[in-house]
Amino acid sequence: MVDAPRAAAWMIHLDTDFLIRGLSRGSPEDRRLRSWLATGEPVGISAVSWAEFLCGPAHAGDVELAIRIVGEPLPFLGDDGPLSARLFNLGGRRRGSLGDCMIAAAAIRTGATLATVNTIDFRRFESAGLRLAAG
Protein backbone atom coordinates (compact mmCIF):
# COMPACT_ATOMS: atom_id res chain seq x y z
CA MET A 1 0.00 0.00 0.00
CA VAL A 2 1.27 3.48 -0.84
CA ASP A 3 1.84 5.80 2.11
CA ALA A 4 -0.24 8.97 1.97
CA PRO A 5 1.51 12.31 2.16
CA ARG A 6 1.35 13.75 5.68
CA ALA A 7 -0.47 16.93 4.61
CA ALA A 8 -3.26 14.96 2.94
CA ALA A 9 -4.41 13.58 6.30
CA TRP A 10 -6.12 16.86 7.03
CA MET A 11 -7.03 17.79 3.49
CA ILE A 12 -10.58 18.20 2.31
CA HIS A 13 -11.30 16.37 -0.97
CA LEU A 14 -14.16 17.86 -2.95
CA ASP A 15 -16.62 15.56 -4.63
CA THR A 16 -17.69 16.65 -8.12
CA ASP A 17 -21.11 17.91 -7.08
CA PHE A 18 -19.66 19.83 -4.13
CA LEU A 19 -17.22 21.61 -6.45
CA ILE A 20 -19.96 22.44 -8.96
CA ARG A 21 -22.19 23.91 -6.25
CA GLY A 22 -19.22 25.54 -4.55
CA LEU A 23 -18.63 27.60 -7.69
CA SER A 24 -22.19 28.96 -7.45
CA ARG A 25 -21.84 32.24 -5.57
CA GLY A 26 -23.89 32.36 -2.37
CA SER A 27 -24.67 28.63 -2.22
CA PRO A 28 -24.11 26.77 1.08
CA GLU A 29 -21.20 24.95 -0.59
CA ASP A 30 -19.69 28.28 -1.72
CA ARG A 31 -19.88 29.61 1.86
CA ARG A 32 -18.37 26.41 3.23
CA LEU A 33 -15.57 26.40 0.68
CA ARG A 34 -14.79 30.06 1.36
CA SER A 35 -14.66 29.31 5.08
CA TRP A 36 -12.16 26.48 4.58
CA LEU A 37 -10.02 28.62 2.30
CA ALA A 38 -10.12 31.57 4.71
CA THR A 39 -8.83 29.39 7.54
CA GLY A 40 -6.11 27.84 5.39
CA GLU A 41 -7.72 24.40 5.25
CA PRO A 42 -6.06 22.49 2.38
CA VAL A 43 -8.61 21.70 -0.31
CA GLY A 44 -8.03 19.26 -3.15
CA ILE A 45 -9.75 16.93 -5.55
CA SER A 46 -9.12 13.44 -6.85
CA ALA A 47 -8.38 12.92 -10.53
CA VAL A 48 -11.67 11.00 -10.76
CA SER A 49 -13.75 13.91 -9.43
CA TRP A 50 -11.77 16.30 -11.62
CA ALA A 51 -12.54 14.24 -14.73
CA GLU A 52 -16.24 14.20 -13.83
CA PHE A 53 -16.16 17.98 -13.35
CA LEU A 54 -14.50 18.54 -16.72
CA CYS A 55 -17.19 16.44 -18.43
CA GLY A 56 -19.32 19.52 -17.79
CA PRO A 57 -21.00 21.48 -18.58
CA ALA A 58 -18.22 23.67 -17.20
CA HIS A 59 -17.40 27.08 -18.61
CA ALA A 60 -13.78 28.09 -19.10
CA GLY A 61 -14.04 30.60 -16.24
CA ASP A 62 -15.32 27.87 -13.91
CA VAL A 63 -12.45 25.58 -14.85
CA GLU A 64 -9.88 28.31 -14.24
CA LEU A 65 -11.40 29.16 -10.85
CA ALA A 66 -11.59 25.49 -9.88
CA ILE A 67 -7.90 25.02 -10.73
CA ARG A 68 -7.00 27.94 -8.45
CA ILE A 69 -9.04 26.39 -5.63
CA VAL A 70 -8.06 22.71 -5.84
CA GLY A 71 -4.65 22.80 -7.52
CA GLU A 72 -3.29 19.68 -9.16
CA PRO A 73 -5.72 16.75 -8.85
CA LEU A 74 -4.53 13.86 -6.71
CA PRO A 75 -3.87 10.82 -8.90
CA PHE A 76 -5.82 7.59 -8.86
CA LEU A 77 -3.17 4.98 -8.05
CA GLY A 78 -2.92 1.25 -8.57
CA ASP A 79 -3.67 0.62 -4.89
CA ASP A 80 -6.95 2.50 -5.33
CA GLY A 81 -8.24 -0.14 -7.75
CA PRO A 82 -8.62 -3.01 -5.26
CA LEU A 83 -10.07 -0.65 -2.65
CA SER A 84 -12.55 0.69 -5.21
CA ALA A 85 -13.64 -2.87 -5.99
CA ARG A 86 -14.01 -3.62 -2.27
CA LEU A 87 -16.15 -0.50 -1.83
CA PHE A 88 -18.21 -1.42 -4.89
CA ASN A 89 -19.00 -4.80 -3.35
CA LEU A 90 -19.56 -3.26 0.10
CA GLY A 91 -22.02 -0.80 -1.45
CA GLY A 92 -24.11 -3.56 -3.01
CA ARG A 93 -22.61 -3.50 -6.52
CA ARG A 94 -24.94 -0.65 -7.51
CA ARG A 95 -25.00 0.29 -11.18
CA GLY A 96 -23.37 3.67 -11.81
CA SER A 97 -21.60 3.75 -8.43
CA LEU A 98 -18.06 2.81 -9.50
CA GLY A 99 -17.03 6.47 -9.86
CA ASP A 100 -18.14 7.15 -6.28
CA CYS A 101 -16.18 4.09 -5.14
CA MET A 102 -13.08 5.42 -6.87
CA ILE A 103 -13.50 8.89 -5.34
CA ALA A 104 -13.98 7.34 -1.89
CA ALA A 105 -10.95 5.06 -2.34
CA ALA A 106 -8.67 8.01 -3.14
CA ALA A 107 -9.93 9.90 -0.08
CA ILE A 108 -9.46 6.87 2.17
CA ARG A 109 -5.95 6.22 0.84
CA THR A 110 -4.82 9.78 1.46
CA GLY A 111 -6.60 10.13 4.79
CA ALA A 112 -8.63 13.05 3.45
CA THR A 113 -12.11 14.08 4.48
CA LEU A 114 -14.61 14.06 1.61
CA ALA A 115 -16.91 17.04 1.11
CA THR A 116 -20.00 15.97 -0.80
CA VAL A 117 -23.61 16.97 -1.23
CA ASN A 118 -24.42 13.29 -1.81
CA THR A 119 -23.88 11.98 1.70
CA ILE A 120 -26.32 9.13 1.10
CA ASP A 121 -24.13 7.85 -1.76
CA PHE A 122 -20.96 7.96 0.35
CA ARG A 123 -22.12 7.17 3.89
CA ARG A 124 -22.04 3.44 3.14
CA PHE A 125 -18.22 3.69 2.85
CA GLU A 126 -17.66 5.10 6.33
CA SER A 127 -17.23 1.57 7.71
CA ALA A 128 -14.26 1.22 5.33
CA GLY A 129 -12.62 4.37 6.73
CA LEU A 130 -14.12 7.19 4.67
CA ARG A 131 -14.55 10.42 6.62
CA LEU A 132 -17.22 12.83 5.44
CA ALA A 133 -17.18 16.56 6.11
CA ALA A 134 -19.88 17.35 8.65
CA GLY A 135 -23.08 18.87 7.31
C-alpha atoms as a PDB file:
ATOM      1  CA  MET A   1       0.000   0.000   0.000  1.00  0.00           C
ATOM      2  CA  VAL A   2       1.271   3.485  -0.839  1.00  0.00           C
ATOM      3  CA  ASP A   3       1.840   5.800   2.108  1.00  0.00           C
ATOM      4  CA  ALA A   4      -0.237   8.968   1.969  1.00  0.00           C
ATOM      5  CA  PRO A   5       1.514  12.313   2.155  1.00  0.00           C
ATOM      6  CA  ARG A   6       1.348  13.751   5.679  1.00  0.00           C
ATOM      7  CA  ALA A   7      -0.467  16.928   4.613  1.00  0.00           C
ATOM      8  CA  ALA A   8      -3.261  14.959   2.936  1.00  0.00           C
ATOM      9  CA  ALA A   9      -4.414  13.576   6.297  1.00  0.00           C
ATOM     10  CA  TRP A  10      -6.125  16.862   7.032  1.00  0.00           C
ATOM     11  CA  MET A  11      -7.028  17.786   3.489  1.00  0.00           C
ATOM     12  CA  ILE A  12     -10.579  18.204   2.305  1.00  0.00           C
ATOM     13  CA  HIS A  13     -11.302  16.372  -0.967  1.00  0.00           C
ATOM     14  CA  LEU A  14     -14.158  17.863  -2.947  1.00  0.00           C
ATOM     15  CA  ASP A  15     -16.622  15.564  -4.629  1.00  0.00           C
ATOM     16  CA  THR A  16     -17.686  16.649  -8.119  1.00  0.00           C
ATOM     17  CA  ASP A  17     -21.114  17.912  -7.078  1.00  0.00           C
ATOM     18  CA  PHE A  18     -19.665  19.829  -4.133  1.00  0.00           C
ATOM     19  CA  LEU A  19     -17.222  21.612  -6.448  1.00  0.00           C
ATOM     20  CA  ILE A  20     -19.963  22.441  -8.963  1.00  0.00           C
ATOM     21  CA  ARG A  21     -22.192  23.905  -6.250  1.00  0.00           C
ATOM     22  CA  GLY A  22     -19.215  25.539  -4.554  1.00  0.00           C
ATOM     23  CA  LEU A  23     -18.633  27.598  -7.693  1.00  0.00           C
ATOM     24  CA  SER A  24     -22.189  28.960  -7.452  1.00  0.00           C
ATOM     25  CA  ARG A  25     -21.841  32.243  -5.567  1.00  0.00           C
ATOM     26  CA  GLY A  26     -23.892  32.361  -2.374  1.00  0.00           C
ATOM     27  CA  SER A  27     -24.665  28.632  -2.221  1.00  0.00           C
ATOM     28  CA  PRO A  28     -24.113  26.772   1.076  1.00  0.00           C
ATOM     29  CA  GLU A  29     -21.203  24.953  -0.589  1.00  0.00           C
ATOM     30  CA  ASP A  30     -19.690  28.284  -1.716  1.00  0.00           C
ATOM     31  CA  ARG A  31     -19.878  29.609   1.864  1.00  0.00           C
ATOM     32  CA  ARG A  32     -18.367  26.407   3.235  1.00  0.00           C
ATOM     33  CA  LEU A  33     -15.571  26.398   0.676  1.00  0.00           C
ATOM     34  CA  ARG A  34     -14.786  30.060   1.360  1.00  0.00           C
ATOM     35  CA  SER A  35     -14.661  29.306   5.080  1.00  0.00           C
ATOM     36  CA  TRP A  36     -12.162  26.480   4.583  1.00  0.00           C
ATOM     37  CA  LEU A  37     -10.015  28.616   2.298  1.00  0.00           C
ATOM     38  CA  ALA A  38     -10.117  31.570   4.709  1.00  0.00           C
ATOM     39  CA  THR A  39      -8.825  29.392   7.544  1.00  0.00           C
ATOM     40  CA  GLY A  40      -6.109  27.839   5.389  1.00  0.00           C
ATOM     41  CA  GLU A  41      -7.717  24.401   5.250  1.00  0.00           C
ATOM     42  CA  PRO A  42      -6.059  22.490   2.384  1.00  0.00           C
ATOM     43  CA  VAL A  43      -8.611  21.700  -0.311  1.00  0.00           C
ATOM     44  CA  GLY A  44      -8.031  19.257  -3.145  1.00  0.00           C
ATOM     45  CA  ILE A  45      -9.751  16.933  -5.552  1.00  0.00           C
ATOM     46  CA  SER A  46      -9.117  13.441  -6.855  1.00  0.00           C
ATOM     47  CA  ALA A  47      -8.384  12.919 -10.526  1.00  0.00           C
ATOM     48  CA  VAL A  48     -11.667  10.998 -10.756  1.00  0.00           C
ATOM     49  CA  SER A  49     -13.752  13.914  -9.431  1.00  0.00           C
ATOM     50  CA  TRP A  50     -11.774  16.301 -11.616  1.00  0.00           C
ATOM     51  CA  ALA A  51     -12.541  14.245 -14.733  1.00  0.00           C
ATOM     52  CA  GLU A  52     -16.240  14.202 -13.831  1.00  0.00           C
ATOM     53  CA  PHE A  53     -16.162  17.977 -13.350  1.00  0.00           C
ATOM     54  CA  LEU A  54     -14.500  18.539 -16.719  1.00  0.00           C
ATOM     55  CA  CYS A  55     -17.194  16.443 -18.427  1.00  0.00           C
ATOM     56  CA  GLY A  56     -19.317  19.516 -17.789  1.00  0.00           C
ATOM     57  CA  PRO A  57     -21.001  21.478 -18.585  1.00  0.00           C
ATOM     58  CA  ALA A  58     -18.217  23.665 -17.205  1.00  0.00           C
ATOM     59  CA  HIS A  59     -17.403  27.077 -18.605  1.00  0.00           C
ATOM     60  CA  ALA A  60     -13.779  28.085 -19.103  1.00  0.00           C
ATOM     61  CA  GLY A  61     -14.041  30.595 -16.237  1.00  0.00           C
ATOM     62  CA  ASP A  62     -15.324  27.872 -13.915  1.00  0.00           C
ATOM     63  CA  VAL A  63     -12.449  25.577 -14.850  1.00  0.00           C
ATOM     64  CA  GLU A  64      -9.878  28.312 -14.242  1.00  0.00           C
ATOM     65  CA  LEU A  65     -11.397  29.164 -10.853  1.00  0.00           C
ATOM     66  CA  ALA A  66     -11.593  25.495  -9.877  1.00  0.00           C
ATOM     67  CA  ILE A  67      -7.900  25.022 -10.731  1.00  0.00           C
ATOM     68  CA  ARG A  68      -6.999  27.938  -8.451  1.00  0.00           C
ATOM     69  CA  ILE A  69      -9.044  26.386  -5.634  1.00  0.00           C
ATOM     70  CA  VAL A  70      -8.055  22.711  -5.841  1.00  0.00           C
ATOM     71  CA  GLY A  71      -4.647  22.798  -7.521  1.00  0.00           C
ATOM     72  CA  GLU A  72      -3.289  19.680  -9.160  1.00  0.00           C
ATOM     73  CA  PRO A  73      -5.720  16.746  -8.846  1.00  0.00           C
ATOM     74  CA  LEU A  74      -4.532  13.858  -6.706  1.00  0.00           C
ATOM     75  CA  PRO A  75      -3.870  10.820  -8.900  1.00  0.00           C
ATOM     76  CA  PHE A  76      -5.816   7.590  -8.864  1.00  0.00           C
ATOM     77  CA  LEU A  77      -3.170   4.983  -8.050  1.00  0.00           C
ATOM     78  CA  GLY A  78      -2.916   1.246  -8.571  1.00  0.00           C
ATOM     79  CA  ASP A  79      -3.668   0.620  -4.888  1.00  0.00           C
ATOM     80  CA  ASP A  80      -6.947   2.504  -5.332  1.00  0.00           C
ATOM     81  CA  GLY A  81      -8.236  -0.145  -7.754  1.00  0.00           C
ATOM     82  CA  PRO A  82      -8.620  -3.008  -5.263  1.00  0.00           C
ATOM     83  CA  LEU A  83     -10.066  -0.648  -2.653  1.00  0.00           C
ATOM     84  CA  SER A  84     -12.552   0.695  -5.206  1.00  0.00           C
ATOM     85  CA  ALA A  85     -13.639  -2.869  -5.991  1.00  0.00           C
ATOM     86  CA  ARG A  86     -14.014  -3.620  -2.269  1.00  0.00           C
ATOM     87  CA  LEU A  87     -16.151  -0.495  -1.831  1.00  0.00           C
ATOM     88  CA  PHE A  88     -18.213  -1.418  -4.891  1.00  0.00           C
ATOM     89  CA  ASN A  89     -18.997  -4.803  -3.347  1.00  0.00           C
ATOM     90  CA  LEU A  90     -19.559  -3.261   0.098  1.00  0.00           C
ATOM     91  CA  GLY A  91     -22.017  -0.803  -1.449  1.00  0.00           C
ATOM     92  CA  GLY A  92     -24.115  -3.556  -3.005  1.00  0.00           C
ATOM     93  CA  ARG A  93     -22.615  -3.501  -6.522  1.00  0.00           C
ATOM     94  CA  ARG A  94     -24.944  -0.654  -7.511  1.00  0.00           C
ATOM     95  CA  ARG A  95     -25.001   0.291 -11.184  1.00  0.00           C
ATOM     96  CA  GLY A  96     -23.370   3.670 -11.809  1.00  0.00           C
ATOM     97  CA  SER A  97     -21.601   3.749  -8.435  1.00  0.00           C
ATOM     98  CA  LEU A  98     -18.063   2.811  -9.496  1.00  0.00           C
ATOM     99  CA  GLY A  99     -17.034   6.470  -9.860  1.00  0.00           C
ATOM    100  CA  ASP A 100     -18.142   7.154  -6.283  1.00  0.00           C
ATOM    101  CA  CYS A 101     -16.183   4.092  -5.141  1.00  0.00           C
ATOM    102  CA  MET A 102     -13.076   5.419  -6.871  1.00  0.00           C
ATOM    103  CA  ILE A 103     -13.500   8.891  -5.339  1.00  0.00           C
ATOM    104  CA  ALA A 104     -13.979   7.343  -1.890  1.00  0.00           C
ATOM    105  CA  ALA A 105     -10.951   5.065  -2.342  1.00  0.00           C
ATOM    106  CA  ALA A 106      -8.671   8.013  -3.144  1.00  0.00           C
ATOM    107  CA  ALA A 107      -9.927   9.900  -0.084  1.00  0.00           C
ATOM    108  CA  ILE A 108      -9.455   6.865   2.175  1.00  0.00           C
ATOM    109  CA  ARG A 109      -5.952   6.216   0.845  1.00  0.00           C
ATOM    110  CA  THR A 110      -4.823   9.780   1.457  1.00  0.00           C
ATOM    111  CA  GLY A 111      -6.599  10.133   4.794  1.00  0.00           C
ATOM    112  CA  ALA A 112      -8.628  13.051   3.450  1.00  0.00           C
ATOM    113  CA  THR A 113     -12.113  14.078   4.483  1.00  0.00           C
ATOM    114  CA  LEU A 114     -14.607  14.063   1.613  1.00  0.00           C
ATOM    115  CA  ALA A 115     -16.914  17.044   1.113  1.00  0.00           C
ATOM    116  CA  THR A 116     -19.996  15.968  -0.802  1.00  0.00           C
ATOM    117  CA  VAL A 117     -23.608  16.968  -1.230  1.00  0.00           C
ATOM    118  CA  ASN A 118     -24.416  13.293  -1.806  1.00  0.00           C
ATOM    119  CA  THR A 119     -23.879  11.981   1.699  1.00  0.00           C
ATOM    120  CA  ILE A 120     -26.322   9.126   1.097  1.00  0.00           C
ATOM    121  CA  ASP A 121     -24.127   7.854  -1.764  1.00  0.00           C
ATOM    122  CA  PHE A 122     -20.957   7.957   0.346  1.00  0.00           C
ATOM    123  CA  ARG A 123     -22.115   7.172   3.888  1.00  0.00           C
ATOM    124  CA  ARG A 124     -22.035   3.441   3.138  1.00  0.00           C
ATOM    125  CA  PHE A 125     -18.221   3.692   2.846  1.00  0.00           C
ATOM    126  CA  GLU A 126     -17.662   5.097   6.335  1.00  0.00           C
ATOM    127  CA  SER A 127     -17.226   1.573   7.711  1.00  0.00           C
ATOM    128  CA  ALA A 128     -14.255   1.220   5.331  1.00  0.00           C
ATOM    129  CA  GLY A 129     -12.623   4.372   6.727  1.00  0.00           C
ATOM    130  CA  LEU A 130     -14.121   7.194   4.669  1.00  0.00           C
ATOM    131  CA  ARG A 131     -14.551  10.422   6.615  1.00  0.00           C
ATOM    132  CA  LEU A 132     -17.225  12.827   5.441  1.00  0.00           C
ATOM    133  CA  ALA A 133     -17.177  16.557   6.108  1.00  0.00           C
ATOM    134  CA  ALA A 134     -19.878  17.347   8.655  1.00  0.00           C
ATOM    135  CA  GLY A 135     -23.083  18.869   7.313  1.00  0.00           C
END
